[in-house]
Amino acid sequence: MSRNGPLALCFHALFVVFMLAPILIVCWVAFTPTGFLSIPVTEFSLRWFRAIARYPEFVQAFWSSIWLAALSSAFAVAFSVPAALAIARHQFRGREALSALLMSPLMIPHVVLGVAFLRFFTQIGLGGSFVGLVVSHIVIVLPFALRLVMASAVGMDRALENAAISLGASDWTVFRRVTLPLILPGLASGWALAFIQSFDEVTMTVFIASPSVTTLPVRMFLYIQDNIDPLVTSVSAVVIAITVVFLVVIDRLYGLERLLAGRGRD
């Protein structure tokens, strides 16, 4: 008997509509020719997409967000690899405490983290700097990267490593030629998820960013406080389109199927 009965299918359909409706509405309003936000949109125009070029602060903030997300996710994945291998493979004193410490940013409100980082970076001279933004974003995206890298490490077949060791391969060669390729789907998935989390972060970044170093979500947040035109919707539509393309490419290269298949072998 199938578990997906009519009620379950209706619930799933309503859930998908509930999740996608805000995104679709934002993309719909982005094509309005009027100078204010209005629904429904009866005429379509690229007016507000062309207007993005007249606001260089949005373009600058976009590239700052790209660099920030790329660096913070790369460092988060780099830190996650040794931590995930140690937690997934070994039993040692403080293992649970280490895992809880690395996952703790998920349990702390970002407002609290923002205030704490603001005070800390101000005291050490990194207030309003790009380096401070990178450090703070590494902290908040590390749990997302760690979970996926750890899932990939748990599902890895260690017999391949043992075979390489028996053939005389060094520890570094085993890691570079055997371990790293086997956990690569987890690394790519963890990097992608960490990148999205960093790019989308606004609550904590508001406290740390400065007028000269800010991110696109913060710039959009500040813009809508004083303006009601559809420019922000066009910027959001462009970001949504880039995100969809990015996720499709990542899925085609390192799909979650490989990661789940690796766990199924464990």
C-alpha atoms as a PDB file:
ATOM      1  CA  MET A   1       0.000   0.000   0.000  1.00  0.00           C
ATOM      2  CA  SER A   2       1.413   3.357  -1.014  1.00  0.00           C
ATOM      3  CA  ARG A   3       2.170   5.806   1.750  1.00  0.00           C
ATOM      4  CA  ASN A   4       1.606   8.782  -0.544  1.00  0.00           C
ATOM      5  CA  GLY A   5      -2.179   8.885  -0.452  1.00  0.00           C
ATOM      6  CA  PRO A   6      -4.331  11.792  -1.653  1.00  0.00           C
ATOM      7  CA  LEU A   7      -4.063  13.640   1.669  1.00  0.00           C
ATOM      8  CA  ALA A   8      -0.268  13.321   1.712  1.00  0.00           C
ATOM      9  CA  LEU A   9       0.006  14.523  -1.887  1.00  0.00           C
ATOM     10  CA  CYS A  10      -2.240  17.509  -1.121  1.00  0.00           C
ATOM     11  CA  PHE A  11      -0.177  18.377   1.948  1.00  0.00           C
ATOM     12  CA  HIS A  12       3.072  18.175  -0.048  1.00  0.00           C
ATOM     13  CA  ALA A  13       1.597  20.331  -2.817  1.00  0.00           C
ATOM     14  CA  LEU A  14       0.423  22.972  -0.338  1.00  0.00           C
ATOM     15  CA  PHE A  15       3.814  22.943   1.375  1.00  0.00           C
ATOM     16  CA  VAL A  16       5.634  23.477  -1.937  1.00  0.00           C
ATOM     17  CA  VAL A  17       3.263  26.331  -2.845  1.00  0.00           C
ATOM     18  CA  PHE A  18       3.747  27.879   0.602  1.00  0.00           C
ATOM     19  CA  MET A  19       7.534  27.773   0.191  1.00  0.00           C
ATOM     20  CA  LEU A  20       7.693  28.989  -3.419  1.00  0.00           C
ATOM     21  CA  ALA A  21       4.930  31.614  -3.375  1.00  0.00           C
ATOM     22  CA  PRO A  22       7.042  34.450  -1.844  1.00  0.00           C
ATOM     23  CA  ILE A  23       9.864  33.804  -4.325  1.00  0.00           C
ATOM     24  CA  LEU A  24       7.527  33.750  -7.304  1.00  0.00           C
ATOM     25  CA  ILE A  25       5.745  36.922  -6.163  1.00  0.00           C
ATOM     26  CA  VAL A  26       9.048  38.785  -5.781  1.00  0.00           C
ATOM     27  CA  CYS A  27      10.131  37.733  -9.287  1.00  0.00           C
ATOM     28  CA  TRP A  28       6.694  38.702 -10.643  1.00  0.00           C
ATOM     29  CA  VAL A  29       6.737  42.192  -9.115  1.00  0.00           C
ATOM     30  CA  ALA A  30      10.286  42.757 -10.415  1.00  0.00           C
ATOM     31  CA  PHE A  31       8.899  43.096 -13.953  1.00  0.00           C
ATOM     32  CA  THR A  32       6.447  45.886 -13.130  1.00  0.00           C
ATOM     33  CA  PRO A  33       6.826  49.131 -15.119  1.00  0.00           C
ATOM     34  CA  THR A  34       5.332  51.272 -12.340  1.00  0.00           C
ATOM     35  CA  GLY A  35       7.328  53.266  -9.828  1.00  0.00           C
ATOM     36  CA  PHE A  36       5.838  51.558  -6.809  1.00  0.00           C
ATOM     37  CA  LEU A  37       5.174  48.056  -5.539  1.00  0.00           C
ATOM     38  CA  SER A  38       1.855  46.721  -6.763  1.00  0.00           C
ATOM     39  CA  ILE A  39       0.100  43.403  -7.278  1.00  0.00           C
ATOM     40  CA  PRO A  40      -1.098  42.156  -9.697  1.00  0.00           C
ATOM     41  CA  VAL A  41       1.348  43.125 -12.424  1.00  0.00           C
ATOM     42  CA  THR A  42      -0.610  43.612 -15.634  1.00  0.00           C
ATOM     43  CA  GLU A  43       2.231  44.969 -17.782  1.00  0.00           C
ATOM     44  CA  PHE A  44       5.792  43.727 -17.953  1.00  0.00           C
ATOM     45  CA  SER A  45       8.947  45.766 -18.299  1.00  0.00           C
ATOM     46  CA  LEU A  46      12.687  45.490 -17.694  1.00  0.00           C
ATOM     47  CA  ARG A  47      12.775  49.023 -16.281  1.00  0.00           C
ATOM     48  CA  TRP A  48      13.924  48.062 -12.803  1.00  0.00           C
ATOM     49  CA  PHE A  49      16.488  45.578 -14.054  1.00  0.00           C
ATOM     50  CA  ARG A  50      18.096  48.338 -16.105  1.00  0.00           C
ATOM     51  CA  ALA A  51      17.917  50.600 -13.051  1.00  0.00           C
ATOM     52  CA  ILE A  52      20.320  48.315 -11.157  1.00  0.00           C
ATOM     53  CA  ALA A  53      23.200  49.677 -13.268  1.00  0.00           C
ATOM     54  CA  ARG A  54      22.437  53.192 -11.976  1.00  0.00           C
ATOM     55  CA  TYR A  55      23.093  52.110  -8.397  1.00  0.00           C
ATOM     56  CA  PRO A  56      26.760  51.035  -8.247  1.00  0.00           C
ATOM     57  CA  GLU A  57      26.505  50.460  -4.491  1.00  0.00           C
ATOM     58  CA  PHE A  58      24.342  47.403  -5.198  1.00  0.00           C
ATOM     59  CA  VAL A  59      26.868  46.032  -7.682  1.00  0.00           C
ATOM     60  CA  GLN A  60      29.756  46.668  -5.278  1.00  0.00           C
ATOM     61  CA  ALA A  61      27.843  45.050  -2.416  1.00  0.00           C
ATOM     62  CA  PHE A  62      27.058  42.059  -4.639  1.00  0.00           C
ATOM     63  CA  TRP A  63      30.734  41.398  -5.366  1.00  0.00           C
ATOM     64  CA  SER A  64      31.606  41.919  -1.703  1.00  0.00           C
ATOM     65  CA  SER A  65      29.015  39.276  -0.805  1.00  0.00           C
ATOM     66  CA  ILE A  66      30.419  36.896  -3.417  1.00  0.00           C
ATOM     67  CA  TRP A  67      33.971  37.223  -2.103  1.00  0.00           C
ATOM     68  CA  LEU A  68      32.838  37.032   1.498  1.00  0.00           C
ATOM     69  CA  ALA A  69      30.732  33.921   0.923  1.00  0.00           C
ATOM     70  CA  ALA A  70      33.431  32.215  -1.155  1.00  0.00           C
ATOM     71  CA  LEU A  71      36.196  32.825   1.399  1.00  0.00           C
ATOM     72  CA  SER A  72      34.157  32.011   4.499  1.00  0.00           C
ATOM     73  CA  SER A  73      32.752  28.790   2.985  1.00  0.00           C
ATOM     74  CA  ALA A  74      36.202  27.721   1.773  1.00  0.00           C
ATOM     75  CA  PHE A  75      37.733  28.204   5.222  1.00  0.00           C
ATOM     76  CA  ALA A  76      34.732  26.517   6.853  1.00  0.00           C
ATOM     77  CA  VAL A  77      35.163  23.443   4.648  1.00  0.00           C
ATOM     78  CA  ALA A  78      38.925  23.399   5.288  1.00  0.00           C
ATOM     79  CA  PHE A  79      38.324  23.426   9.053  1.00  0.00           C
ATOM     80  CA  SER A  80      35.536  20.861   8.724  1.00  0.00           C
ATOM     81  CA  VAL A  81      37.672  18.172   7.067  1.00  0.00           C
ATOM     82  CA  PRO A  82      39.984  17.324  10.016  1.00  0.00           C
ATOM     83  CA  ALA A  83      37.170  17.851  12.520  1.00  0.00           C
ATOM     84  CA  ALA A  84      34.759  15.608  10.606  1.00  0.00           C
ATOM     85  CA  LEU A  85      37.338  12.846  10.105  1.00  0.00           C
ATOM     86  CA  ALA A  86      38.268  12.916  13.793  1.00  0.00           C
ATOM     87  CA  ILE A  87      34.665  12.887  15.056  1.00  0.00           C
ATOM     88  CA  ALA A  88      33.439  10.312  12.531  1.00  0.00           C
ATOM     89  CA  ARG A  89      36.312   7.838  12.914  1.00  0.00           C
ATOM     90  CA  HIS A  90      37.661   8.023  16.441  1.00  0.00           C
ATOM     91  CA  GLN A  91      36.414   7.719  19.991  1.00  0.00           C
ATOM     92  CA  PHE A  92      38.295  10.066  22.315  1.00  0.00           C
ATOM     93  CA  ARG A  93      37.701  12.052  25.471  1.00  0.00           C
ATOM     94  CA  GLY A  94      35.863  15.261  24.698  1.00  0.00           C
ATOM     95  CA  ARG A  95      34.517  14.031  21.350  1.00  0.00           C
ATOM     96  CA  GLU A  96      30.934  15.014  22.157  1.00  0.00           C
ATOM     97  CA  ALA A  97      32.079  18.322  23.627  1.00  0.00           C
ATOM     98  CA  LEU A  98      34.063  19.132  20.472  1.00  0.00           C
ATOM     99  CA  SER A  99      31.099  18.283  18.284  1.00  0.00           C
ATOM    100  CA  ALA A 100      28.775  20.428  20.416  1.00  0.00           C
ATOM    101  CA  LEU A 101      31.233  23.334  20.341  1.00  0.00           C
ATOM    102  CA  LEU A 102      31.497  23.273  16.546  1.00  0.00           C
ATOM    103  CA  MET A 103      27.721  23.070  16.167  1.00  0.00           C
ATOM    104  CA  SER A 104      26.952  25.684  18.839  1.00  0.00           C
ATOM    105  CA  PRO A 105      26.582  28.655  16.407  1.00  0.00           C
ATOM    106  CA  LEU A 106      23.301  27.062  15.314  1.00  0.00           C
ATOM    107  CA  MET A 107      21.910  27.496  18.828  1.00  0.00           C
ATOM    108  CA  ILE A 108      23.023  31.094  19.440  1.00  0.00           C
ATOM    109  CA  PRO A 109      20.794  33.907  18.077  1.00  0.00           C
ATOM    110  CA  HIS A 110      22.569  35.872  15.378  1.00  0.00           C
ATOM    111  CA  VAL A 111      21.724  39.111  17.156  1.00  0.00           C
ATOM    112  CA  VAL A 112      23.771  37.930  20.137  1.00  0.00           C
ATOM    113  CA  LEU A 113      26.615  36.880  17.847  1.00  0.00           C
ATOM    114  CA  GLY A 114      26.502  40.242  16.089  1.00  0.00           C
ATOM    115  CA  VAL A 115      26.794  42.216  19.328  1.00  0.00           C
ATOM    116  CA  ALA A 116      29.579  39.954  20.601  1.00  0.00           C
ATOM    117  CA  PHE A 117      31.567  40.177  17.350  1.00  0.00           C
ATOM    118  CA  LEU A 118      31.070  43.939  17.203  1.00  0.00           C
ATOM    119  CA  ARG A 119      32.588  44.403  20.646  1.00  0.00           C
ATOM    120  CA  PHE A 120      35.383  41.896  20.015  1.00  0.00           C
ATOM    121  CA  PHE A 121      36.433  43.303  16.617  1.00  0.00           C
ATOM    122  CA  THR A 122      36.284  46.873  17.920  1.00  0.00           C
ATOM    123  CA  GLN A 123      38.678  45.991  20.744  1.00  0.00           C
ATOM    124  CA  ILE A 124      41.230  44.308  18.445  1.00  0.00           C
ATOM    125  CA  GLY A 125      41.008  46.929  15.690  1.00  0.00           C
ATOM    126  CA  LEU A 126      39.035  44.945  13.102  1.00  0.00           C
ATOM    127  CA  GLY A 127      35.741  46.795  13.492  1.00  0.00           C
ATOM    128  CA  GLY A 128      34.055  47.359  10.120  1.00  0.00           C
ATOM    129  CA  SER A 129      36.762  45.469   8.227  1.00  0.00           C
ATOM    130  CA  PHE A 130      36.411  42.769   5.587  1.00  0.00           C
ATOM    131  CA  VAL A 131      38.615  40.451   7.656  1.00  0.00           C
ATOM    132  CA  GLY A 132      36.186  40.736  10.550  1.00  0.00           C
ATOM    133  CA  LEU A 133      33.288  39.860   8.261  1.00  0.00           C
ATOM    134  CA  VAL A 134      35.120  36.774   6.980  1.00  0.00           C
ATOM    135  CA  VAL A 135      35.950  35.556  10.495  1.00  0.00           C
ATOM    136  CA  SER A 136      32.397  36.041  11.746  1.00  0.00           C
ATOM    137  CA  HIS A 137      30.887  34.309   8.719  1.00  0.00           C
ATOM    138  CA  ILE A 138      33.247  31.355   9.107  1.00  0.00           C
ATOM    139  CA  VAL A 139      31.837  30.847  12.593  1.00  0.00           C
ATOM    140  CA  ILE A 140      28.194  30.830  11.512  1.00  0.00           C
ATOM    141  CA  VAL A 141      28.594  28.664   8.374  1.00  0.00           C
ATOM    142  CA  LEU A 142      30.976  26.113   9.901  1.00  0.00           C
ATOM    143  CA  PRO A 143      28.168  23.883  11.301  1.00  0.00           C
ATOM    144  CA  PHE A 144      26.527  23.597   7.862  1.00  0.00           C
ATOM    145  CA  ALA A 145      29.745  22.540   6.177  1.00  0.00           C
ATOM    146  CA  LEU A 146      30.679  20.227   9.039  1.00  0.00           C
ATOM    147  CA  ARG A 147      27.430  18.259   8.923  1.00  0.00           C
ATOM    148  CA  LEU A 148      27.742  17.424   5.228  1.00  0.00           C
ATOM    149  CA  VAL A 149      31.460  16.661   5.381  1.00  0.00           C
ATOM    150  CA  MET A 150      30.847  14.444   8.403  1.00  0.00           C
ATOM    151  CA  ALA A 151      28.044  12.594   6.584  1.00  0.00           C
ATOM    152  CA  SER A 152      30.402  11.946   3.698  1.00  0.00           C
ATOM    153  CA  ALA A 153      33.177  10.798   6.043  1.00  0.00           C
ATOM    154  CA  VAL A 154      30.868   8.380   7.860  1.00  0.00           C
ATOM    155  CA  GLY A 155      29.800   6.766   4.589  1.00  0.00           C
ATOM    156  CA  MET A 156      33.328   6.345   3.249  1.00  0.00           C
ATOM    157  CA  ASP A 157      34.697   2.859   2.609  1.00  0.00           C
ATOM    158  CA  ARG A 158      37.922   2.698   4.634  1.00  0.00           C
ATOM    159  CA  ALA A 159      39.001  -0.492   2.911  1.00  0.00           C
ATOM    160  CA  LEU A 160      40.268   1.636   0.043  1.00  0.00           C
ATOM    161  CA  GLU A 161      42.502   3.581   2.427  1.00  0.00           C
ATOM    162  CA  ASN A 162      43.806   0.375   3.968  1.00  0.00           C
ATOM    163  CA  ALA A 163      44.586  -0.971   0.502  1.00  0.00           C
ATOM    164  CA  ALA A 164      46.592   2.161  -0.327  1.00  0.00           C
ATOM    165  CA  ILE A 165      48.492   1.925   2.962  1.00  0.00           C
ATOM    166  CA  SER A 166      49.293  -1.748   2.328  1.00  0.00           C
ATOM    167  CA  LEU A 167      50.792  -0.750  -1.028  1.00  0.00           C
ATOM    168  CA  GLY A 168      53.191   1.651   0.680  1.00  0.00           C
ATOM    169  CA  ALA A 169      51.408   4.980   0.244  1.00  0.00           C
ATOM    170  CA  SER A 170      52.227   7.685   2.761  1.00  0.00           C
ATOM    171  CA  ASP A 171      49.589   9.316   4.947  1.00  0.00           C
ATOM    172  CA  TRP A 172      49.564  12.445   2.812  1.00  0.00           C
ATOM    173  CA  THR A 173      49.270  10.405  -0.398  1.00  0.00           C
ATOM    174  CA  VAL A 174      46.381   8.385   1.051  1.00  0.00           C
ATOM    175  CA  PHE A 175      44.587  11.560   2.046  1.00  0.00           C
ATOM    176  CA  ARG A 176      45.198  13.323  -1.270  1.00  0.00           C
ATOM    177  CA  ARG A 177      44.606  10.392  -3.639  1.00  0.00           C
ATOM    178  CA  VAL A 178      42.009   8.317  -1.746  1.00  0.00           C
ATOM    179  CA  THR A 179      40.299  10.091   1.168  1.00  0.00           C
ATOM    180  CA  LEU A 180      39.789  13.479  -0.448  1.00  0.00           C
ATOM    181  CA  PRO A 181      38.190  12.138  -3.670  1.00  0.00           C
ATOM    182  CA  LEU A 182      35.869   9.905  -1.628  1.00  0.00           C
ATOM    183  CA  ILE A 183      34.551  12.765   0.519  1.00  0.00           C
ATOM    184  CA  LEU A 184      34.529  15.272  -2.355  1.00  0.00           C
ATOM    185  CA  PRO A 185      30.705  15.205  -2.761  1.00  0.00           C
ATOM    186  CA  GLY A 186      30.385  16.152   0.914  1.00  0.00           C
ATOM    187  CA  LEU A 187      32.955  18.916   0.500  1.00  0.00           C
ATOM    188  CA  ALA A 188      31.188  20.367  -2.536  1.00  0.00           C
ATOM    189  CA  SER A 189      27.753  20.141  -0.925  1.00  0.00           C
ATOM    190  CA  GLY A 190      29.048  21.625   2.331  1.00  0.00           C
ATOM    191  CA  TRP A 191      30.754  24.461   0.486  1.00  0.00           C
ATOM    192  CA  ALA A 192      27.607  25.231  -1.511  1.00  0.00           C
ATOM    193  CA  LEU A 193      25.375  25.257   1.570  1.00  0.00           C
ATOM    194  CA  ALA A 194      27.866  27.364   3.528  1.00  0.00           C
ATOM    195  CA  PHE A 195      28.159  29.771   0.583  1.00  0.00           C
ATOM    196  CA  ILE A 196      24.386  30.268   0.442  1.00  0.00           C
ATOM    197  CA  GLN A 197      24.147  30.770   4.207  1.00  0.00           C
ATOM    198  CA  SER A 198      26.937  33.342   4.171  1.00  0.00           C
ATOM    199  CA  PHE A 199      25.559  35.193   1.149  1.00  0.00           C
ATOM    200  CA  ASP A 200      22.094  35.403   2.708  1.00  0.00           C
ATOM    201  CA  GLU A 201      23.184  36.401   6.230  1.00  0.00           C
ATOM    202  CA  VAL A 202      21.905  39.814   7.300  1.00  0.00           C
ATOM    203  CA  THR A 203      21.059  39.804  11.039  1.00  0.00           C
ATOM    204  CA  MET A 204      24.600  39.441  12.323  1.00  0.00           C
ATOM    205  CA  THR A 205      26.227  41.302   9.429  1.00  0.00           C
ATOM    206  CA  VAL A 206      24.273  44.478  10.194  1.00  0.00           C
ATOM    207  CA  PHE A 207      26.286  44.866  13.396  1.00  0.00           C
ATOM    208  CA  ILE A 208      29.681  44.189  11.804  1.00  0.00           C
ATOM    209  CA  ALA A 209      29.473  45.811   8.361  1.00  0.00           C
ATOM    210  CA  SER A 210      30.508  49.389   7.716  1.00  0.00           C
ATOM    211  CA  PRO A 211      29.461  51.894   5.003  1.00  0.00           C
ATOM    212  CA  SER A 212      32.612  51.061   3.022  1.00  0.00           C
ATOM    213  CA  VAL A 213      32.431  47.281   3.563  1.00  0.00           C
ATOM    214  CA  THR A 214      28.911  45.911   3.378  1.00  0.00           C
ATOM    215  CA  THR A 215      27.064  43.008   1.815  1.00  0.00           C
ATOM    216  CA  LEU A 216      24.172  42.899  -0.611  1.00  0.00           C
ATOM    217  CA  PRO A 217      21.537  41.743   1.927  1.00  0.00           C
ATOM    218  CA  VAL A 218      22.522  44.576   4.277  1.00  0.00           C
ATOM    219  CA  ARG A 219      22.493  47.090   1.420  1.00  0.00           C
ATOM    220  CA  MET A 220      19.001  45.925   0.431  1.00  0.00           C
ATOM    221  CA  PHE A 221      17.836  46.083   4.040  1.00  0.00           C
ATOM    222  CA  LEU A 222      19.021  49.676   4.357  1.00  0.00           C
ATOM    223  CA  TYR A 223      17.513  50.632   0.987  1.00  0.00           C
ATOM    224  CA  ILE A 224      13.981  49.458   1.764  1.00  0.00           C
ATOM    225  CA  GLN A 225      13.937  51.540   4.948  1.00  0.00           C
ATOM    226  CA  ASP A 226      13.725  54.734   2.873  1.00  0.00           C
ATOM    227  CA  ASN A 227      12.375  53.590  -0.518  1.00  0.00           C
ATOM    228  CA  ILE A 228       9.299  51.742  -1.731  1.00  0.00           C
ATOM    229  CA  ASP A 229      10.145  51.313  -5.421  1.00  0.00           C
ATOM    230  CA  PRO A 230      10.552  47.839  -7.020  1.00  0.00           C
ATOM    231  CA  LEU A 231      14.338  48.115  -7.384  1.00  0.00           C
ATOM    232  CA  VAL A 232      14.915  45.690  -4.516  1.00  0.00           C
ATOM    233  CA  THR A 233      12.630  43.133  -6.153  1.00  0.00           C
ATOM    234  CA  SER A 234      14.666  43.250  -9.370  1.00  0.00           C
ATOM    235  CA  VAL A 235      17.887  42.800  -7.400  1.00  0.00           C
ATOM    236  CA  SER A 236      16.277  39.890  -5.555  1.00  0.00           C
ATOM    237  CA  ALA A 237      15.154  38.320  -8.828  1.00  0.00           C
ATOM    238  CA  VAL A 238      18.690  38.490 -10.215  1.00  0.00           C
ATOM    239  CA  VAL A 239      20.094  36.899  -7.051  1.00  0.00           C
ATOM    240  CA  ILE A 240      17.427  34.170  -7.162  1.00  0.00           C
ATOM    241  CA  ALA A 241      18.269  33.393 -10.788  1.00  0.00           C
ATOM    242  CA  ILE A 242      21.991  33.207 -10.027  1.00  0.00           C
ATOM    243  CA  THR A 243      21.317  30.972  -7.023  1.00  0.00           C
ATOM    244  CA  VAL A 244      19.185  28.567  -9.065  1.00  0.00           C
ATOM    245  CA  VAL A 245      21.849  28.279 -11.754  1.00  0.00           C
ATOM    246  CA  PHE A 246      24.520  27.803  -9.106  1.00  0.00           C
ATOM    247  CA  LEU A 247      22.579  25.010  -7.383  1.00  0.00           C
ATOM    248  CA  VAL A 248      21.839  23.247 -10.667  1.00  0.00           C
ATOM    249  CA  VAL A 249      25.522  23.276 -11.609  1.00  0.00           C
ATOM    250  CA  ILE A 250      26.582  21.987  -8.186  1.00  0.00           C
ATOM    251  CA  ASP A 251      23.920  19.286  -8.292  1.00  0.00           C
ATOM    252  CA  ARG A 252      25.045  18.163 -11.744  1.00  0.00           C
ATOM    253  CA  LEU A 253      28.688  18.017 -10.701  1.00  0.00           C
ATOM    254  CA  TYR A 254      28.350  16.739  -7.122  1.00  0.00           C
ATOM    255  CA  GLY A 255      24.746  15.709  -6.587  1.00  0.00           C
ATOM    256  CA  LEU A 256      23.416  14.597  -3.225  1.00  0.00           C
ATOM    257  CA  GLU A 257      22.802  11.189  -4.781  1.00  0.00           C
ATOM    258  CA  ARG A 258      26.521  10.425  -4.452  1.00  0.00           C
ATOM    259  CA  LEU A 259      26.553  11.511  -0.834  1.00  0.00           C
ATOM    260  CA  LEU A 260      23.473   9.419  -0.001  1.00  0.00           C
ATOM    261  CA  ALA A 261      24.866   6.476  -1.909  1.00  0.00           C
ATOM    262  CA  GLY A 262      28.062   6.733   0.114  1.00  0.00           C
ATOM    263  CA  ARG A 263      26.090   6.628   3.349  1.00  0.00           C
ATOM    264  CA  GLY A 264      24.145   3.631   2.097  1.00  0.00           C
ATOM    265  CA  ARG A 265      27.364   1.657   1.742  1.00  0.00           C
ATOM    266  CA  ASP A 266      28.303   2.291   5.371  1.00  0.00           C
END
